[in-house]
C-alpha cells in the first residue's frame, strides 16, 4: 500500500513538471512567432526547442525553473538565424532574435 501511494505522488509530480514545461513551450512559441511577425521575418519550422533548464529562486523566495528555448527565423527566405528566449515561469526575462526593421527610406 505505501508503494502505491509513493507511485501516485511521483506520477503527480512528473505530470506537473511535464505540464509546466508544455505551458512554457507554448508561451515561448507565442513570443517567438509574435517577434517574427512584428519584425517582418519568416518564422521557420513552426516550433521552439527547449535547450536549457535551470533551477532558480524567484523574487518571492520560492524555487522554480528557468527555461531556455531557441527558434529559427529567416530574413529573406534563403538564410537561417537563431533566436533565443528565456522564461522564468510565464515571464520573459531575456530575448535575442529579430527586431522590428527601421524604414530604409521615407516616401
Protein backbone atom coordinates (compact mmCIF):
# COMPACT_ATOMS: atom_id res chain seq x y z
CA UNK A 1 0.00 0.00 0.00
CA UNK A 2 2.74 2.60 0.78
CA UNK A 3 4.35 1.76 -2.56
CA UNK A 4 1.16 2.66 -4.40
CA UNK A 5 0.90 6.00 -2.59
CA UNK A 6 4.54 6.83 -3.38
CA UNK A 7 3.97 5.85 -7.00
CA UNK A 8 0.92 8.13 -7.18
CA UNK A 9 2.87 11.04 -5.65
CA UNK A 10 5.74 10.52 -8.09
CA UNK A 11 3.30 10.29 -11.00
CA UNK A 12 1.56 13.52 -9.97
CA UNK A 13 4.91 15.32 -9.64
CA UNK A 14 6.05 14.05 -13.06
CA UNK A 15 2.78 15.14 -14.67
CA UNK A 16 3.02 18.57 -13.05
CA UNK A 17 6.60 19.03 -14.32
CA UNK A 18 5.62 17.93 -17.84
CA UNK A 19 2.54 20.18 -17.87
CA UNK A 20 4.54 23.24 -16.75
CA UNK A 21 7.11 22.50 -19.45
CA UNK A 22 4.45 22.34 -22.14
CA UNK A 23 2.89 25.61 -20.92
CA UNK A 24 6.31 27.30 -21.08
CA UNK A 25 6.93 25.94 -24.59
CA UNK A 26 3.57 27.28 -25.75
CA UNK A 27 4.37 30.69 -24.26
CA UNK A 28 7.82 30.66 -25.92
CA UNK A 29 6.21 29.75 -29.24
CA UNK A 30 3.82 32.69 -28.97
CA UNK A 31 6.61 35.12 -28.10
CA UNK A 32 8.83 33.88 -30.94
CA UNK A 33 6.05 33.94 -33.52
CA UNK A 34 4.93 37.44 -32.49
CA UNK A 35 8.52 38.77 -32.60
CA UNK A 36 8.97 37.40 -36.13
CA UNK A 37 5.64 38.83 -37.26
CA UNK A 38 6.44 42.29 -35.88
CA UNK A 39 9.94 42.24 -37.41
CA UNK A 40 8.61 41.16 -40.79
CA UNK A 41 10.70 37.99 -40.97
CA UNK A 42 9.73 34.38 -41.61
CA UNK A 43 9.40 32.10 -38.60
CA UNK A 44 10.88 28.72 -39.56
CA UNK A 45 9.88 25.19 -38.52
CA UNK A 46 6.76 26.47 -36.70
CA UNK A 47 8.20 25.46 -33.32
CA UNK A 48 10.58 26.25 -30.50
CA UNK A 49 13.10 23.87 -28.98
CA UNK A 50 13.94 23.64 -25.29
CA UNK A 51 17.71 23.87 -24.87
CA UNK A 52 18.13 24.61 -21.18
CA UNK A 53 16.56 24.11 -17.78
CA UNK A 54 17.85 25.65 -14.58
CA UNK A 55 16.57 25.62 -11.01
CA UNK A 56 16.33 29.20 -9.70
CA UNK A 57 14.88 31.12 -6.79
CA UNK A 58 12.16 33.64 -7.69
CA UNK A 59 11.95 37.10 -6.12
CA UNK A 60 9.27 35.71 -3.81
CA UNK A 61 11.75 33.18 -2.42
CA UNK A 62 10.10 30.12 -3.99
CA UNK A 63 12.08 27.72 -6.13
CA UNK A 64 11.18 27.50 -9.80
CA UNK A 65 12.56 26.76 -13.22
CA UNK A 66 14.21 28.96 -15.79
CA UNK A 67 13.72 27.50 -19.27
CA UNK A 68 15.70 28.47 -22.37
CA UNK A 69 14.25 28.00 -25.85
CA UNK A 70 15.58 28.51 -29.36
CA UNK A 71 13.76 29.14 -32.61
CA UNK A 72 14.84 29.76 -36.19
CA UNK A 73 13.88 32.60 -38.49
CA UNK A 74 14.79 33.85 -41.95
CA UNK A 75 15.09 37.40 -43.19
CA UNK A 76 14.88 36.74 -46.93
CA UNK A 77 13.83 33.08 -47.14
CA UNK A 78 17.33 31.87 -48.06
CA UNK A 79 19.15 32.38 -44.78
CA UNK A 80 18.64 30.95 -41.31
CA UNK A 81 19.17 32.73 -37.99
CA UNK A 82 18.77 31.51 -34.42
CA UNK A 83 16.69 33.34 -31.85
CA UNK A 84 16.74 32.55 -28.13
CA UNK A 85 14.47 33.41 -25.26
CA UNK A 86 14.49 32.68 -21.56
CA UNK A 87 11.36 32.27 -19.46
CA UNK A 88 11.00 32.20 -15.69
CA UNK A 89 7.59 30.71 -15.26
CA UNK A 90 5.44 32.70 -17.68
CA UNK A 91 7.67 35.79 -17.56
CA UNK A 92 10.05 36.58 -20.40
CA UNK A 93 13.39 37.68 -18.95
CA UNK A 94 15.71 37.60 -21.99
CA UNK A 95 15.25 37.65 -25.75
CA UNK A 96 17.60 37.69 -28.72
CA UNK A 97 16.26 37.46 -32.21
CA UNK A 98 14.57 39.53 -34.87
CA UNK A 99 13.82 43.13 -34.12
CA UNK A 100 11.49 45.49 -35.91
CA UNK A 101 13.15 46.80 -39.01
CA UNK A 102 13.59 50.55 -39.33
CA UNK A 103 12.42 52.06 -42.61
CA UNK A 104 15.32 52.50 -45.01
CA UNK A 105 13.73 55.29 -46.99
CA UNK A 106 10.79 57.54 -46.23
CA UNK A 107 8.42 58.41 -49.08
